[in-house]
Amino acid sequence: MVKNSFISVISQEEKEENKGSVEFQVFSFTNKIRRLASHLELHRKDYSSQRGLRKILGKRQRLLAYLSKRNKVRYKELMGQLDIRNPKTR
């Protein structure tokens, strides 16, 4: 598992000042999701990590839903930067 292969869209200065912003939280959840996904490729029966992955996916989904309701422009920019596909609507 290589840590350098993960995305770094947000600069170091922005990390220090905007740790509570929705974009930063989605960014950090995306890094955690990608790290856990690569871990689960090697360890398929690690059920506690699977559960953690599902929880983080849910948190990120709720944050993205919040951001899409509040500010569509920032939402679309973030989706493009992180290369995340749009969630299915019901």
PDB file of N, CA and C in Angstrom:
ATOM      1  N   MET A   1       0.848  -1.177   0.000  1.00  0.00           N
ATOM      2  CA  MET A   1       0.000   0.000   0.000  1.00  0.00           C
ATOM      3  C   MET A   1       0.894   1.241   0.000  1.00  0.00           C
ATOM      4  N   VAL A   2       0.697   2.100  -0.971  1.00  0.00           N
ATOM      5  CA  VAL A   2       1.519   3.293  -1.126  1.00  0.00           C
ATOM      6  C   VAL A   2       0.692   4.505  -0.748  1.00  0.00           C
ATOM      7  N   LYS A   3       1.163   5.274   0.234  1.00  0.00           N
ATOM      8  CA  LYS A   3       0.411   6.441   0.684  1.00  0.00           C
ATOM      9  C   LYS A   3       0.521   7.604  -0.282  1.00  0.00           C
ATOM     10  N   ASN A   4       1.573   7.657  -1.074  1.00  0.00           N
ATOM     11  CA  ASN A   4       1.762   8.771  -2.006  1.00  0.00           C
ATOM     12  C   ASN A   4       0.815   8.710  -3.186  1.00  0.00           C
ATOM     13  N   SER A   5       0.167   7.581  -3.420  1.00  0.00           N
ATOM     14  CA  SER A   5      -0.714   7.463  -4.569  1.00  0.00           C
ATOM     15  C   SER A   5      -2.073   8.132  -4.337  1.00  0.00           C
ATOM     16  N   PHE A   6      -2.319   8.588  -3.126  1.00  0.00           N
ATOM     17  CA  PHE A   6      -3.601   9.213  -2.827  1.00  0.00           C
ATOM     18  C   PHE A   6      -3.586  10.673  -3.238  1.00  0.00           C
ATOM     19  N   ILE A   7      -4.745  11.211  -3.423  1.00  0.00           N
ATOM     20  CA  ILE A   7      -4.885  12.549  -3.985  1.00  0.00           C
ATOM     21  C   ILE A   7      -4.473  13.626  -2.990  1.00  0.00           C
ATOM     22  N   SER A   8      -3.989  14.707  -3.516  1.00  0.00           N
ATOM     23  CA  SER A   8      -3.684  15.866  -2.688  1.00  0.00           C
ATOM     24  C   SER A   8      -4.147  17.099  -3.450  1.00  0.00           C
ATOM     25  N   VAL A   9      -5.437  17.299  -3.471  1.00  0.00           N
ATOM     26  CA  VAL A   9      -6.032  18.423  -4.190  1.00  0.00           C
ATOM     27  C   VAL A   9      -5.925  19.691  -3.359  1.00  0.00           C
ATOM     28  N   ILE A  10      -5.989  19.549  -2.043  1.00  0.00           N
ATOM     29  CA  ILE A  10      -5.981  20.689  -1.139  1.00  0.00           C
ATOM     30  C   ILE A  10      -4.545  20.964  -0.699  1.00  0.00           C
ATOM     31  N   SER A  11      -4.117  22.223  -0.761  1.00  0.00           N
ATOM     32  CA  SER A  11      -2.747  22.573  -0.401  1.00  0.00           C
ATOM     33  C   SER A  11      -2.555  22.513   1.116  1.00  0.00           C
ATOM     34  N   GLN A  12      -1.311  22.582   1.558  1.00  0.00           N
ATOM     35  CA  GLN A  12      -0.982  22.459   2.980  1.00  0.00           C
ATOM     36  C   GLN A  12      -1.565  23.619   3.787  1.00  0.00           C
ATOM     37  N   GLU A  13      -1.557  24.843   3.221  1.00  0.00           N
ATOM     38  CA  GLU A  13      -2.090  25.993   3.951  1.00  0.00           C
ATOM     39  C   GLU A  13      -3.595  25.844   4.151  1.00  0.00           C
ATOM     40  N   GLU A  14      -4.285  25.349   3.124  1.00  0.00           N
ATOM     41  CA  GLU A  14      -5.728  25.165   3.240  1.00  0.00           C
ATOM     42  C   GLU A  14      -6.054  24.078   4.243  1.00  0.00           C
ATOM     43  N   LYS A  15      -5.202  23.061   4.358  1.00  0.00           N
ATOM     44  CA  LYS A  15      -5.434  21.999   5.336  1.00  0.00           C
ATOM     45  C   LYS A  15      -5.424  22.560   6.743  1.00  0.00           C
ATOM     46  N   GLU A  16      -4.496  23.477   7.019  1.00  0.00           N
ATOM     47  CA  GLU A  16      -4.354  24.007   8.364  1.00  0.00           C
ATOM     48  C   GLU A  16      -5.517  24.917   8.754  1.00  0.00           C
ATOM     49  N   GLU A  17      -6.062  25.668   7.815  1.00  0.00           N
ATOM     50  CA  GLU A  17      -7.084  26.636   8.189  1.00  0.00           C
ATOM     51  C   GLU A  17      -8.515  26.140   7.987  1.00  0.00           C
ATOM     52  N   ASN A  18      -8.751  25.140   7.155  1.00  0.00           N
ATOM     53  CA  ASN A  18     -10.113  24.727   6.821  1.00  0.00           C
ATOM     54  C   ASN A  18     -10.397  23.273   7.177  1.00  0.00           C
ATOM     55  N   LYS A  19      -9.946  22.808   8.313  1.00  0.00           N
ATOM     56  CA  LYS A  19     -10.150  21.406   8.658  1.00  0.00           C
ATOM     57  C   LYS A  19     -11.620  21.075   8.905  1.00  0.00           C
ATOM     58  N   GLY A  20     -12.436  22.058   9.199  1.00  0.00           N
ATOM     59  CA  GLY A  20     -13.835  21.803   9.474  1.00  0.00           C
ATOM     60  C   GLY A  20     -14.748  21.986   8.279  1.00  0.00           C
ATOM     61  N   SER A  21     -14.208  22.442   7.158  1.00  0.00           N
ATOM     62  CA  SER A  21     -15.054  22.690   5.999  1.00  0.00           C
ATOM     63  C   SER A  21     -15.563  21.378   5.418  1.00  0.00           C
ATOM     64  N   VAL A  22     -16.684  21.459   4.753  1.00  0.00           N
ATOM     65  CA  VAL A  22     -17.294  20.261   4.165  1.00  0.00           C
ATOM     66  C   VAL A  22     -16.371  19.664   3.111  1.00  0.00           C
ATOM     67  N   GLU A  23     -15.740  20.521   2.304  1.00  0.00           N
ATOM     68  CA  GLU A  23     -14.852  20.027   1.263  1.00  0.00           C
ATOM     69  C   GLU A  23     -13.680  19.248   1.849  1.00  0.00           C
ATOM     70  N   PHE A  24     -13.088  19.777   2.930  1.00  0.00           N
ATOM     71  CA  PHE A  24     -11.959  19.079   3.540  1.00  0.00           C
ATOM     72  C   PHE A  24     -12.403  17.745   4.134  1.00  0.00           C
ATOM     73  N   GLN A  25     -13.573  17.717   4.770  1.00  0.00           N
ATOM     74  CA  GLN A  25     -14.060  16.466   5.346  1.00  0.00           C
ATOM     75  C   GLN A  25     -14.313  15.425   4.262  1.00  0.00           C
ATOM     76  N   VAL A  26     -14.914  15.835   3.151  1.00  0.00           N
ATOM     77  CA  VAL A  26     -15.154  14.908   2.041  1.00  0.00           C
ATOM     78  C   VAL A  26     -13.825  14.436   1.465  1.00  0.00           C
ATOM     79  N   PHE A  27     -12.858  15.343   1.356  1.00  0.00           N
ATOM     80  CA  PHE A  27     -11.528  14.999   0.869  1.00  0.00           C
ATOM     81  C   PHE A  27     -10.865  13.953   1.762  1.00  0.00           C
ATOM     82  N   SER A  28     -10.925  14.160   3.074  1.00  0.00           N
ATOM     83  CA  SER A  28     -10.278  13.202   3.981  1.00  0.00           C
ATOM     84  C   SER A  28     -11.020  11.867   3.993  1.00  0.00           C
ATOM     85  N   PHE A  29     -12.357  11.893   3.912  1.00  0.00           N
ATOM     86  CA  PHE A  29     -13.113  10.637   3.839  1.00  0.00           C
ATOM     87  C   PHE A  29     -12.780   9.879   2.555  1.00  0.00           C
ATOM     88  N   THR A  30     -12.588  10.607   1.457  1.00  0.00           N
ATOM     89  CA  THR A  30     -12.252   9.962   0.190  1.00  0.00           C
ATOM     90  C   THR A  30     -10.890   9.281   0.280  1.00  0.00           C
ATOM     91  N   ASN A  31      -9.932   9.943   0.931  1.00  0.00           N
ATOM     92  CA  ASN A  31      -8.625   9.305   1.126  1.00  0.00           C
ATOM     93  C   ASN A  31      -8.752   8.046   1.980  1.00  0.00           C
ATOM     94  N   LYS A  32      -9.549   8.121   3.042  1.00  0.00           N
ATOM     95  CA  LYS A  32      -9.740   6.947   3.901  1.00  0.00           C
ATOM     96  C   LYS A  32     -10.425   5.816   3.140  1.00  0.00           C
ATOM     97  N   ILE A  33     -11.391   6.170   2.310  1.00  0.00           N
ATOM     98  CA  ILE A  33     -12.122   5.163   1.531  1.00  0.00           C
ATOM     99  C   ILE A  33     -11.175   4.467   0.561  1.00  0.00           C
ATOM    100  N   ARG A  34     -10.345   5.233  -0.125  1.00  0.00           N
ATOM    101  CA  ARG A  34      -9.411   4.635  -1.083  1.00  0.00           C
ATOM    102  C   ARG A  34      -8.377   3.763  -0.376  1.00  0.00           C
ATOM    103  N   ARG A  35      -7.934   4.199   0.809  1.00  0.00           N
ATOM    104  CA  ARG A  35      -6.979   3.403   1.573  1.00  0.00           C
ATOM    105  C   ARG A  35      -7.609   2.087   2.023  1.00  0.00           C
ATOM    106  N   LEU A  36      -8.846   2.160   2.543  1.00  0.00           N
ATOM    107  CA  LEU A  36      -9.529   0.942   2.982  1.00  0.00           C
ATOM    108  C   LEU A  36      -9.852   0.021   1.812  1.00  0.00           C
ATOM    109  N   ALA A  37     -10.196   0.585   0.670  1.00  0.00           N
ATOM    110  CA  ALA A  37     -10.495  -0.245  -0.496  1.00  0.00           C
ATOM    111  C   ALA A  37      -9.262  -1.022  -0.941  1.00  0.00           C
ATOM    112  N   SER A  38      -8.104  -0.364  -0.931  1.00  0.00           N
ATOM    113  CA  SER A  38      -6.885  -1.079  -1.308  1.00  0.00           C
ATOM    114  C   SER A  38      -6.528  -2.130  -0.262  1.00  0.00           C
ATOM    115  N   HIS A  39      -6.812  -1.855   1.009  1.00  0.00           N
ATOM    116  CA  HIS A  39      -6.573  -2.841   2.065  1.00  0.00           C
ATOM    117  C   HIS A  39      -7.482  -4.057   1.886  1.00  0.00           C
ATOM    118  N   LEU A  40      -8.736  -3.797   1.524  1.00  0.00           N
ATOM    119  CA  LEU A  40      -9.692  -4.898   1.387  1.00  0.00           C
ATOM    120  C   LEU A  40      -9.445  -5.732   0.132  1.00  0.00           C
ATOM    121  N   GLU A  41      -8.718  -5.202  -0.839  1.00  0.00           N
ATOM    122  CA  GLU A  41      -8.344  -6.029  -1.982  1.00  0.00           C
ATOM    123  C   GLU A  41      -7.409  -7.154  -1.553  1.00  0.00           C
ATOM    124  N   LEU A  42      -6.561  -6.865  -0.580  1.00  0.00           N
ATOM    125  CA  LEU A  42      -5.640  -7.883  -0.070  1.00  0.00           C
ATOM    126  C   LEU A  42      -6.290  -8.777   0.988  1.00  0.00           C
ATOM    127  N   HIS A  43      -7.122  -8.184   1.845  1.00  0.00           N
ATOM    128  CA  HIS A  43      -7.717  -8.895   2.979  1.00  0.00           C
ATOM    129  C   HIS A  43      -9.235  -8.901   2.814  1.00  0.00           C
ATOM    130  N   ARG A  44      -9.730  -9.823   2.014  1.00  0.00           N
ATOM    131  CA  ARG A  44     -11.150  -9.841   1.659  1.00  0.00           C
ATOM    132  C   ARG A  44     -12.063 -10.156   2.840  1.00  0.00           C
ATOM    133  N   LYS A  45     -11.572 -10.890   3.814  1.00  0.00           N
ATOM    134  CA  LYS A  45     -12.429 -11.308   4.926  1.00  0.00           C
ATOM    135  C   LYS A  45     -12.261 -10.445   6.171  1.00  0.00           C
ATOM    136  N   ASP A  46     -11.721  -9.280   6.023  1.00  0.00           N
ATOM    137  CA  ASP A  46     -11.571  -8.354   7.139  1.00  0.00           C
ATOM    138  C   ASP A  46     -12.894  -7.606   7.321  1.00  0.00           C
ATOM    139  N   TYR A  47     -13.798  -8.215   8.068  1.00  0.00           N
ATOM    140  CA  TYR A  47     -15.157  -7.704   8.163  1.00  0.00           C
ATOM    141  C   TYR A  47     -15.244  -6.416   8.968  1.00  0.00           C
ATOM    142  N   SER A  48     -14.361  -6.215   9.930  1.00  0.00           N
ATOM    143  CA  SER A  48     -14.397  -4.964  10.679  1.00  0.00           C
ATOM    144  C   SER A  48     -13.989  -3.788   9.794  1.00  0.00           C
ATOM    145  N   SER A  49     -13.050  -4.018   8.889  1.00  0.00           N
ATOM    146  CA  SER A  49     -12.679  -2.950   7.951  1.00  0.00           C
ATOM    147  C   SER A  49     -13.802  -2.701   6.944  1.00  0.00           C
ATOM    148  N   GLN A  50     -14.511  -3.750   6.560  1.00  0.00           N
ATOM    149  CA  GLN A  50     -15.656  -3.575   5.659  1.00  0.00           C
ATOM    150  C   GLN A  50     -16.730  -2.720   6.317  1.00  0.00           C
ATOM    151  N   ARG A  51     -16.958  -2.961   7.600  1.00  0.00           N
ATOM    152  CA  ARG A  51     -17.951  -2.182   8.328  1.00  0.00           C
ATOM    153  C   ARG A  51     -17.507  -0.721   8.430  1.00  0.00           C
ATOM    154  N   GLY A  52     -16.231  -0.511   8.726  1.00  0.00           N
ATOM    155  CA  GLY A  52     -15.702   0.851   8.790  1.00  0.00           C
ATOM    156  C   GLY A  52     -15.812   1.562   7.459  1.00  0.00           C
ATOM    157  N   LEU A  53     -15.568   0.832   6.377  1.00  0.00           N
ATOM    158  CA  LEU A  53     -15.692   1.413   5.039  1.00  0.00           C
ATOM    159  C   LEU A  53     -17.126   1.837   4.767  1.00  0.00           C
ATOM    160  N   ARG A  54     -18.077   0.989   5.140  1.00  0.00           N
ATOM    161  CA  ARG A  54     -19.489   1.342   4.926  1.00  0.00           C
ATOM    162  C   ARG A  54     -19.889   2.568   5.741  1.00  0.00           C
ATOM    163  N   LYS A  55     -19.381   2.688   6.965  1.00  0.00           N
ATOM    164  CA  LYS A  55     -19.701   3.853   7.797  1.00  0.00           C
ATOM    165  C   LYS A  55     -19.133   5.131   7.191  1.00  0.00           C
ATOM    166  N   ILE A  56     -17.887   5.061   6.714  1.00  0.00           N
ATOM    167  CA  ILE A  56     -17.270   6.239   6.116  1.00  0.00           C
ATOM    168  C   ILE A  56     -17.976   6.618   4.820  1.00  0.00           C
ATOM    169  N   LEU A  57     -18.383   5.620   4.031  1.00  0.00           N
ATOM    170  CA  LEU A  57     -19.133   5.894   2.807  1.00  0.00           C
ATOM    171  C   LEU A  57     -20.440   6.617   3.114  1.00  0.00           C
ATOM    172  N   GLY A  58     -21.119   6.198   4.178  1.00  0.00           N
ATOM    173  CA  GLY A  58     -22.369   6.852   4.570  1.00  0.00           C
ATOM    174  C   GLY A  58     -22.155   8.280   5.017  1.00  0.00           C
ATOM    175  N   LYS A  59     -21.086   8.507   5.794  1.00  0.00           N
ATOM    176  CA  LYS A  59     -20.783   9.867   6.238  1.00  0.00           C
ATOM    177  C   LYS A  59     -20.486  10.770   5.050  1.00  0.00           C
ATOM    178  N   ARG A  60     -19.675  10.259   4.103  1.00  0.00           N
ATOM    179  CA  ARG A  60     -19.347  11.064   2.933  1.00  0.00           C
ATOM    180  C   ARG A  60     -20.590  11.342   2.091  1.00  0.00           C
ATOM    181  N   GLN A  61     -21.466  10.351   1.977  1.00  0.00           N
ATOM    182  CA  GLN A  61     -22.690  10.531   1.201  1.00  0.00           C
ATOM    183  C   GLN A  61     -23.577  11.603   1.828  1.00  0.00           C
ATOM    184  N   ARG A  62     -23.684  11.601   3.153  1.00  0.00           N
ATOM    185  CA  ARG A  62     -24.495  12.626   3.829  1.00  0.00           C
ATOM    186  C   ARG A  62     -23.889  14.012   3.666  1.00  0.00           C
ATOM    187  N   LEU A  63     -22.560  14.115   3.768  1.00  0.00           N
ATOM    188  CA  LEU A  63     -21.911  15.412   3.571  1.00  0.00           C
ATOM    189  C   LEU A  63     -22.091  15.919   2.141  1.00  0.00           C
ATOM    190  N   LEU A  64     -21.991  15.023   1.168  1.00  0.00           N
ATOM    191  CA  LEU A  64     -22.186  15.443  -0.222  1.00  0.00           C
ATOM    192  C   LEU A  64     -23.631  15.861  -0.478  1.00  0.00           C
ATOM    193  N   ALA A  65     -24.576  15.183   0.147  1.00  0.00           N
ATOM    194  CA  ALA A  65     -25.983  15.582   0.000  1.00  0.00           C
ATOM    195  C   ALA A  65     -26.204  16.968   0.593  1.00  0.00           C
ATOM    196  N   TYR A  66     -25.594  17.228   1.747  1.00  0.00           N
ATOM    197  CA  TYR A  66     -25.688  18.540   2.377  1.00  0.00           C
ATOM    198  C   TYR A  66     -25.094  19.615   1.470  1.00  0.00           C
ATOM    199  N   LEU A  67     -23.915  19.330   0.928  1.00  0.00           N
ATOM    200  CA  LEU A  67     -23.254  20.315   0.070  1.00  0.00           C
ATOM    201  C   LEU A  67     -24.033  20.555  -1.215  1.00  0.00           C
ATOM    202  N   SER A  68     -24.645  19.511  -1.768  1.00  0.00           N
ATOM    203  CA  SER A  68     -25.405  19.698  -3.006  1.00  0.00           C
ATOM    204  C   SER A  68     -26.658  20.535  -2.774  1.00  0.00           C
ATOM    205  N   LYS A  69     -27.227  20.448  -1.574  1.00  0.00           N
ATOM    206  CA  LYS A  69     -28.388  21.282  -1.270  1.00  0.00           C
ATOM    207  C   LYS A  69     -27.991  22.729  -1.023  1.00  0.00           C
ATOM    208  N   ARG A  70     -26.832  22.951  -0.392  1.00  0.00           N
ATOM    209  CA  ARG A  70     -26.406  24.297  -0.011  1.00  0.00           C
ATOM    210  C   ARG A  70     -25.756  25.066  -1.154  1.00  0.00           C
ATOM    211  N   ASN A  71     -24.867  24.392  -1.900  1.00  0.00           N
ATOM    212  CA  ASN A  71     -24.109  25.108  -2.917  1.00  0.00           C
ATOM    213  C   ASN A  71     -23.762  24.155  -4.056  1.00  0.00           C
ATOM    214  N   LYS A  72     -24.538  24.219  -5.130  1.00  0.00           N
ATOM    215  CA  LYS A  72     -24.346  23.314  -6.273  1.00  0.00           C
ATOM    216  C   LYS A  72     -23.002  23.517  -6.964  1.00  0.00           C
ATOM    217  N   VAL A  73     -22.524  24.752  -7.022  1.00  0.00           N
ATOM    218  CA  VAL A  73     -21.274  25.038  -7.725  1.00  0.00           C
ATOM    219  C   VAL A  73     -20.105  24.379  -7.006  1.00  0.00           C
ATOM    220  N   ARG A  74     -20.018  24.567  -5.687  1.00  0.00           N
ATOM    221  CA  ARG A  74     -18.941  23.939  -4.914  1.00  0.00           C
ATOM    222  C   ARG A  74     -19.038  22.424  -4.974  1.00  0.00           C
ATOM    223  N   TYR A  75     -20.271  21.905  -4.990  1.00  0.00           N
ATOM    224  CA  TYR A  75     -20.491  20.458  -5.065  1.00  0.00           C
ATOM    225  C   TYR A  75     -19.939  19.899  -6.370  1.00  0.00           C
ATOM    226  N   LYS A  76     -20.277  20.548  -7.482  1.00  0.00           N
ATOM    227  CA  LYS A  76     -19.813  20.061  -8.788  1.00  0.00           C
ATOM    228  C   LYS A  76     -18.295  20.174  -8.922  1.00  0.00           C
ATOM    229  N   GLU A  77     -17.700  21.251  -8.388  1.00  0.00           N
ATOM    230  CA  GLU A  77     -16.247  21.395  -8.413  1.00  0.00           C
ATOM    231  C   GLU A  77     -15.576  20.271  -7.634  1.00  0.00           C
ATOM    232  N   LEU A  78     -16.113  19.968  -6.455  1.00  0.00           N
ATOM    233  CA  LEU A  78     -15.533  18.928  -5.611  1.00  0.00           C
ATOM    234  C   LEU A  78     -15.666  17.559  -6.256  1.00  0.00           C
ATOM    235  N   MET A  79     -16.797  17.291  -6.866  1.00  0.00           N
ATOM    236  CA  MET A  79     -16.994  16.006  -7.540  1.00  0.00           C
ATOM    237  C   MET A  79     -16.002  15.853  -8.693  1.00  0.00           C
ATOM    238  N   GLY A  80     -15.739  16.935  -9.409  1.00  0.00           N
ATOM    239  CA  GLY A  80     -14.780  16.881 -10.500  1.00  0.00           C
ATOM    240  C   GLY A  80     -13.352  16.711 -10.022  1.00  0.00           C
ATOM    241  N   GLN A  81     -12.990  17.407  -8.935  1.00  0.00           N
ATOM    242  CA  GLN A  81     -11.629  17.313  -8.416  1.00  0.00           C
ATOM    243  C   GLN A  81     -11.335  15.927  -7.860  1.00  0.00           C
ATOM    244  N   LEU A  82     -12.280  15.362  -7.126  1.00  0.00           N
ATOM    245  CA  LEU A  82     -12.044  14.079  -6.470  1.00  0.00           C
ATOM    246  C   LEU A  82     -12.360  12.898  -7.369  1.00  0.00           C
ATOM    247  N   ASP A  83     -12.926  13.160  -8.535  1.00  0.00           N
ATOM    248  CA  ASP A  83     -13.277  12.106  -9.488  1.00  0.00           C
ATOM    249  C   ASP A  83     -14.226  11.087  -8.852  1.00  0.00           C
ATOM    250  N   ILE A  84     -15.303  11.619  -8.274  1.00  0.00           N
ATOM    251  CA  ILE A  84     -16.352  10.794  -7.668  1.00  0.00           C
ATOM    252  C   ILE A  84     -17.562  10.881  -8.575  1.00  0.00           C
ATOM    253  N   ARG A  85     -18.212   9.770  -8.806  1.00  0.00           N
ATOM    254  CA  ARG A  85     -19.404   9.820  -9.646  1.00  0.00           C
ATOM    255  C   ARG A  85     -20.598  10.271  -8.801  1.00  0.00           C
ATOM    256  N   ASN A  86     -21.584  10.837  -9.462  1.00  0.00           N
ATOM    257  CA  ASN A  86     -22.770  11.344  -8.779  1.00  0.00           C
ATOM    258  C   ASN A  86     -23.573  10.178  -8.212  1.00  0.00           C
ATOM    259  N   PRO A  87     -24.144  10.369  -7.009  1.00  0.00           N
ATOM    260  CA  PRO A  87     -24.952   9.287  -6.425  1.00  0.00           C
ATOM    261  C   PRO A  87     -26.258   9.113  -7.169  1.00  0.00           C
ATOM    262  N   LYS A  88     -26.802   7.921  -7.085  1.00  0.00           N
ATOM    263  CA  LYS A  88     -28.081   7.639  -7.730  1.00  0.00           C
ATOM    264  C   LYS A  88     -29.196   8.344  -6.955  1.00  0.00           C
ATOM    265  N   THR A  89     -30.144   8.901  -7.680  1.00  0.00           N
ATOM    266  CA  THR A  89     -31.282   9.532  -7.045  1.00  0.00           C
ATOM    267  C   THR A  89     -32.460   8.562  -7.088  1.00  0.00           C
ATOM    268  N   ARG A  90     -33.296   8.690  -6.098  1.00  0.00           N
ATOM    269  CA  ARG A  90     -34.445   7.786  -6.017  1.00  0.00           C
ATOM    270  C   ARG A  90     -35.638   8.341  -6.727  1.00  0.00           C
TER     271      ARG A  90
END
